């Protein structure tokens, strides 16, 4: 079973005899997309382990939540379904909808790098039938691409990141009444973010990062995960890959040089890690964004 097929919202629609999957793709970086058509159906989502962004790209005027029967959907309406939420839906008539799924780890990474917030201090606001023309336009651009073509699939990934970043900036708020225990102090978190980004080319060790915070490696690793939402090695790899993507999109540096700048031991190691994350080689990625 692929990672995409393990997502609960995807599974629920895929089991329905009324829903039809038109296209889907795993986009790397904990992101995936799917395009569905559906009619005369009902769906229940029970605490999925991932977040879902949904846009009604066609129809939906007969769709509503069971707990809000007087509020109906419609073309270009968006829904934000956070991980662990619960909702029940009734679909009357025809609907066509696009989904972008993103992992809780990717949400955590965005909270740290984009919002400068500990993931556990914030929450994604659940929203039903939101109007956001900018996001709706991105969804329409996304479904116009052929996700099975390597170049266009990478452009799909870029649009999915834009959708996620916009959501983080506009639909994330502080948790009310939260009392935090453990974790790194804000100044330690900022120190680590800056240090890691400045030393991506270096062979950073757990002990080196722990030393910046005057902590043992064991306590540092536990507190890092509490504050960042993912372990140090995953965070470091994500930042190295993000730097590599930026260099590939914006220049003509040889792949071997990019590998060293981003802290990979060799071009082959860089290519292996990049393909694992993005589903494409660095060369294919560069070609897609330079076309």
Protein backbone atom coordinates (compact mmCIF):
# COMPACT_ATOMS: atom_id res chain seq x y z
CA UNK A 1 0.00 0.00 0.00
CA UNK A 2 1.38 3.42 -0.92
CA UNK A 3 1.60 6.27 1.58
CA UNK A 4 -1.26 8.02 -0.20
CA UNK A 5 -3.56 5.02 0.17
CA UNK A 6 -2.89 4.96 3.92
CA UNK A 7 -4.42 8.43 4.44
CA UNK A 8 -7.78 8.14 6.19
CA UNK A 9 -9.64 10.80 4.19
CA UNK A 10 -8.36 9.27 0.95
CA UNK A 11 -9.35 5.80 2.18
CA UNK A 12 -12.87 6.90 3.08
CA UNK A 13 -13.57 8.29 -0.38
CA UNK A 14 -11.82 5.41 -2.10
CA UNK A 15 -14.15 2.93 -0.38
CA UNK A 16 -17.29 4.73 -1.52
CA UNK A 17 -19.13 3.23 -4.53
CA UNK A 18 -20.23 6.76 -5.47
CA UNK A 19 -16.85 8.49 -5.48
CA UNK A 20 -14.48 8.28 -8.44
CA UNK A 21 -10.76 9.00 -8.22
CA UNK A 22 -9.73 11.02 -11.29
CA UNK A 23 -6.08 11.58 -10.40
CA UNK A 24 -3.71 11.29 -7.47
CA UNK A 25 -0.04 11.81 -6.75
CA UNK A 26 2.41 11.62 -3.88
CA UNK A 27 4.38 14.86 -4.04
CA UNK A 28 7.15 14.29 -1.51
CA UNK A 29 7.78 16.36 1.63
CA UNK A 30 4.77 14.76 3.33
CA UNK A 31 2.40 16.17 0.68
CA UNK A 32 -0.08 14.41 -1.61
CA UNK A 33 -2.92 15.44 -3.91
CA UNK A 34 -6.08 13.84 -5.26
CA UNK A 35 -8.90 14.86 -7.58
CA UNK A 36 -12.33 13.32 -6.94
CA UNK A 37 -15.82 13.36 -8.41
CA UNK A 38 -18.74 12.23 -6.28
CA UNK A 39 -22.54 12.20 -6.19
CA UNK A 40 -25.34 11.30 -3.76
CA UNK A 41 -23.01 10.12 -1.05
CA UNK A 42 -22.26 10.49 2.65
CA UNK A 43 -18.87 10.51 4.33
CA UNK A 44 -17.58 10.47 7.89
CA UNK A 45 -14.04 11.39 8.88
CA UNK A 46 -12.96 10.19 12.32
CA UNK A 47 -9.74 11.73 13.65
CA UNK A 48 -7.47 11.31 10.61
CA UNK A 49 -3.75 11.40 11.27
CA UNK A 50 -3.15 14.04 8.61
CA UNK A 51 -4.46 17.47 7.56
CA UNK A 52 -6.61 17.97 4.45
CA UNK A 53 -7.22 21.06 2.31
CA UNK A 54 -10.26 20.70 0.04
CA UNK A 55 -11.59 22.84 -2.79
CA UNK A 56 -14.88 22.32 -4.60
CA UNK A 57 -13.76 22.82 -8.19
CA UNK A 58 -17.22 22.02 -9.52
CA UNK A 59 -20.72 21.65 -8.07
CA UNK A 60 -21.23 21.14 -4.36
CA UNK A 61 -24.34 23.28 -3.90
CA UNK A 62 -26.12 20.30 -2.35
CA UNK A 63 -23.28 19.39 0.00
CA UNK A 64 -23.43 20.12 3.73
CA UNK A 65 -22.15 18.94 7.09
CA UNK A 66 -24.59 16.97 9.17
CA UNK A 67 -24.11 19.33 12.11
CA UNK A 68 -24.66 22.39 9.86
CA UNK A 69 -27.45 21.42 7.42
CA UNK A 70 -28.36 25.04 6.60
CA UNK A 71 -24.90 25.89 5.23
CA UNK A 72 -24.20 24.56 1.72
CA UNK A 73 -21.11 24.32 -0.41
CA UNK A 74 -20.53 25.55 -3.93
CA UNK A 75 -17.85 26.09 -6.59
CA UNK A 76 -14.54 27.43 -5.25
CA UNK A 77 -15.54 26.90 -1.63
CA UNK A 78 -12.72 25.56 0.53
CA UNK A 79 -12.69 23.32 3.59
CA UNK A 80 -9.85 22.91 6.07
CA UNK A 81 -9.95 19.57 7.89
CA UNK A 82 -7.25 19.36 10.59
CA UNK A 83 -5.79 16.12 11.82
CA UNK A 84 -7.83 14.52 14.61
CA UNK A 85 -11.02 16.40 13.65
CA UNK A 86 -14.38 14.64 13.27
CA UNK A 87 -16.98 15.52 10.64
CA UNK A 88 -19.89 13.99 8.74
CA UNK A 89 -20.92 15.06 5.24
CA UNK A 90 -23.91 14.64 2.95
CA UNK A 91 -23.43 15.05 -0.80
CA UNK A 92 -26.60 15.69 -2.80
CA UNK A 93 -26.15 16.07 -6.54
CA UNK A 94 -22.79 16.21 -8.29
CA UNK A 95 -19.52 17.45 -6.89
CA UNK A 96 -15.92 17.60 -8.05
CA UNK A 97 -13.29 18.34 -5.46
CA UNK A 98 -9.53 18.56 -5.19
CA UNK A 99 -7.67 17.54 -2.05
CA UNK A 100 -4.19 18.35 -0.80
CA UNK A 101 -3.10 16.20 2.13
CA UNK A 102 -0.16 17.10 4.35
CA UNK A 103 1.41 15.28 7.24
CA UNK A 104 1.59 16.50 10.80
CA UNK A 105 5.39 16.48 10.44
CA UNK A 106 5.21 18.86 7.48
CA UNK A 107 2.81 21.07 9.45
CA UNK A 108 5.30 21.09 12.33
CA UNK A 109 8.16 22.03 10.01
CA UNK A 110 6.14 24.93 8.61
CA UNK A 111 5.25 26.16 12.10
CA UNK A 112 8.94 26.34 13.01
CA UNK A 113 10.37 27.73 9.78
CA UNK A 114 7.54 29.97 8.58
CA UNK A 115 5.81 31.04 11.81
CA UNK A 116 8.67 30.73 14.32
CA UNK A 117 6.28 28.87 16.60
CA UNK A 118 6.47 25.59 18.44
CA UNK A 119 4.01 23.24 16.70
CA UNK A 120 2.45 22.21 20.02
CA UNK A 121 1.53 25.84 20.81
CA UNK A 122 -0.61 26.32 17.70
CA UNK A 123 -3.49 24.65 15.93
CA UNK A 124 -4.91 24.60 12.43
CA UNK A 125 -8.37 26.14 12.46
CA UNK A 126 -11.12 23.91 11.11
CA UNK A 127 -13.09 25.77 8.44
CA UNK A 128 -16.08 24.84 6.29
CA UNK A 129 -16.96 26.49 2.96
CA UNK A 130 -14.30 29.17 3.28
CA UNK A 131 -14.03 31.77 0.51
CA UNK A 132 -10.43 32.45 -0.51
CA UNK A 133 -10.01 33.34 -4.21
CA UNK A 134 -6.21 33.07 -4.05
CA UNK A 135 -6.32 29.53 -2.75
CA UNK A 136 -9.12 28.55 -5.15
CA UNK A 137 -7.03 29.80 -8.08
CA UNK A 138 -4.08 27.69 -6.92
CA UNK A 139 -6.32 24.63 -6.79
CA UNK A 140 -7.52 25.28 -10.34
CA UNK A 141 -3.90 25.65 -11.49
CA UNK A 142 -3.07 22.41 -9.73
CA UNK A 143 -5.78 20.30 -11.38
CA UNK A 144 -4.89 21.70 -14.82
CA UNK A 145 -1.51 19.94 -14.60
CA UNK A 146 -0.80 16.37 -15.63
CA UNK A 147 0.47 14.87 -12.39
CA UNK A 148 1.89 11.81 -14.11
CA UNK A 149 4.34 13.88 -16.17
CA UNK A 150 7.52 14.29 -14.07
CA UNK A 151 7.93 18.00 -14.78
CA UNK A 152 4.30 18.88 -14.14
CA UNK A 153 4.23 16.69 -11.06
CA UNK A 154 7.00 18.84 -9.61
CA UNK A 155 5.04 21.98 -10.42
CA UNK A 156 2.13 20.35 -8.61
CA UNK A 157 4.41 19.94 -5.60
CA UNK A 158 5.32 23.63 -5.75
CA UNK A 159 1.65 24.65 -5.83
CA UNK A 160 0.90 22.31 -2.92
CA UNK A 161 3.61 24.03 -0.90
CA UNK A 162 2.09 27.41 -1.75
CA UNK A 163 -1.31 26.16 -0.60
CA UNK A 164 0.20 24.89 2.65
CA UNK A 165 2.18 28.08 3.34
CA UNK A 166 -0.87 30.28 2.71
CA UNK A 167 -2.86 28.10 5.09
CA UNK A 168 -0.20 28.33 7.78
CA UNK A 169 -0.12 32.12 7.51
CA UNK A 170 -3.88 32.60 7.50
CA UNK A 171 -5.51 29.67 9.32
CA UNK A 172 -3.25 28.87 12.25
CA UNK A 173 -3.78 30.26 15.75
CA UNK A 174 -2.51 29.81 19.28
CA UNK A 175 -3.99 27.05 21.39
CA UNK A 176 -6.09 28.40 24.25
CA UNK A 177 -5.21 27.57 27.84
CA UNK A 178 -2.15 25.51 26.91
CA UNK A 179 0.37 24.81 29.66
CA UNK A 180 3.61 23.58 28.18
CA UNK A 181 5.96 21.26 29.97
CA UNK A 182 9.44 20.52 28.73
CA UNK A 183 10.84 21.54 25.40
CA UNK A 184 13.39 24.15 24.47
CA UNK A 185 13.23 27.80 25.46
CA UNK A 186 12.32 30.21 22.62
CA UNK A 187 15.85 31.63 22.46
CA UNK A 188 17.28 28.10 22.20
CA UNK A 189 14.89 27.24 19.38
CA UNK A 190 15.81 30.37 17.42
CA UNK A 191 19.51 29.73 18.03
CA UNK A 192 19.20 26.22 16.62
CA UNK A 193 17.17 27.31 13.56
CA UNK A 194 19.76 29.97 12.68
CA UNK A 195 22.73 27.73 13.42
CA UNK A 196 21.44 24.81 11.37
CA UNK A 197 20.55 27.00 8.38
CA UNK A 198 23.99 28.67 8.51
CA UNK A 199 25.86 25.36 8.75
CA UNK A 200 23.91 23.10 6.39
CA UNK A 201 27.10 22.18 4.55
CA UNK A 202 28.76 20.92 7.74
CA UNK A 203 28.53 17.35 9.12
CA UNK A 204 26.47 18.38 12.14
CA UNK A 205 26.22 15.94 15.03
CA UNK A 206 23.64 15.51 17.76
CA UNK A 207 26.29 16.30 20.38
CA UNK A 208 27.23 19.52 18.58
CA UNK A 209 23.63 20.76 18.54
CA UNK A 210 23.05 19.63 22.13
CA UNK A 211 26.14 21.57 23.20
CA UNK A 212 24.62 24.80 21.90
CA UNK A 213 21.85 24.35 24.46
CA UNK A 214 24.10 22.98 27.22
CA UNK A 215 22.12 19.74 27.32
CA UNK A 216 22.99 16.06 27.16
CA UNK A 217 22.34 14.39 23.84
CA UNK A 218 19.49 12.34 25.35
CA UNK A 219 17.66 15.30 26.86
CA UNK A 220 18.33 17.50 23.85
CA UNK A 221 16.83 14.97 21.41
CA UNK A 222 13.70 14.63 23.56
CA UNK A 223 13.28 18.38 24.05
CA UNK A 224 14.00 19.10 20.38
CA UNK A 225 11.19 16.79 19.32
CA UNK A 226 8.81 18.38 21.83
CA UNK A 227 9.56 21.86 20.44
CA UNK A 228 10.00 21.12 16.73
CA UNK A 229 7.51 18.29 16.27
CA UNK A 230 10.11 16.01 14.64
CA UNK A 231 13.54 14.62 15.57
CA UNK A 232 16.75 16.57 14.83
CA UNK A 233 17.88 14.39 11.92
CA UNK A 234 14.55 14.77 10.11
CA UNK A 235 14.56 18.53 10.61
CA UNK A 236 18.14 18.80 9.35
CA UNK A 237 17.40 16.71 6.26
CA UNK A 238 14.30 18.78 5.49
CA UNK A 239 16.26 22.03 5.69
CA UNK A 240 19.03 20.63 3.47
CA UNK A 241 16.52 19.53 0.86
CA UNK A 242 14.77 22.91 1.00
CA UNK A 243 18.09 24.66 0.36
CA UNK A 244 18.79 22.29 -2.52
CA UNK A 245 15.40 22.97 -4.09
CA UNK A 246 16.06 26.70 -3.90
CA UNK A 247 19.47 26.35 -5.57
CA UNK A 248 18.08 24.07 -8.28
CA UNK A 249 15.27 26.50 -9.10
CA UNK A 250 17.42 29.61 -9.13
CA UNK A 251 20.74 28.79 -10.78
CA UNK A 252 23.03 26.58 -12.82
CA UNK A 253 25.44 25.26 -10.19
CA UNK A 254 26.64 21.71 -10.89
CA UNK A 255 24.78 19.06 -8.93
CA UNK A 256 27.96 17.97 -7.16
CA UNK A 257 28.52 21.51 -5.89
CA UNK A 258 24.92 21.79 -4.70
CA UNK A 259 25.31 18.48 -2.90
CA UNK A 260 28.31 19.78 -0.94
CA UNK A 261 26.71 23.17 -0.20
CA UNK A 262 23.70 21.36 1.26
CA UNK A 263 25.69 18.94 3.40
CA UNK A 264 25.46 15.74 1.34
CA UNK A 265 28.58 13.61 1.14
CA UNK A 266 28.36 13.09 -2.62
CA UNK A 267 26.23 13.78 -5.67
CA UNK A 268 24.93 10.20 -5.59
CA UNK A 269 23.91 10.48 -1.93
CA UNK A 270 22.22 13.80 -2.70
CA UNK A 271 20.36 12.29 -5.65
CA UNK A 272 19.20 9.32 -3.57
CA UNK A 273 17.85 11.49 -0.75
CA UNK A 274 16.28 13.98 -3.14
CA UNK A 275 14.51 11.26 -5.11
CA UNK A 276 13.20 9.72 -1.87
CA UNK A 277 11.68 13.05 -0.82
CA UNK A 278 10.50 14.45 -4.15
CA UNK A 279 9.95 11.44 -6.38
CA UNK A 280 12.31 12.91 -8.97
CA UNK A 281 16.03 13.42 -9.43
CA UNK A 282 17.64 16.84 -8.87
CA UNK A 283 18.17 17.11 -12.64
CA UNK A 284 14.50 16.46 -13.36
CA UNK A 285 13.52 18.98 -10.70
CA UNK A 286 15.76 21.68 -12.21
CA UNK A 287 14.48 20.97 -15.71
CA UNK A 288 10.87 21.29 -14.53
CA UNK A 289 11.43 24.75 -13.08
CA UNK A 290 13.66 26.00 -15.88
CA UNK A 291 11.31 24.93 -18.69
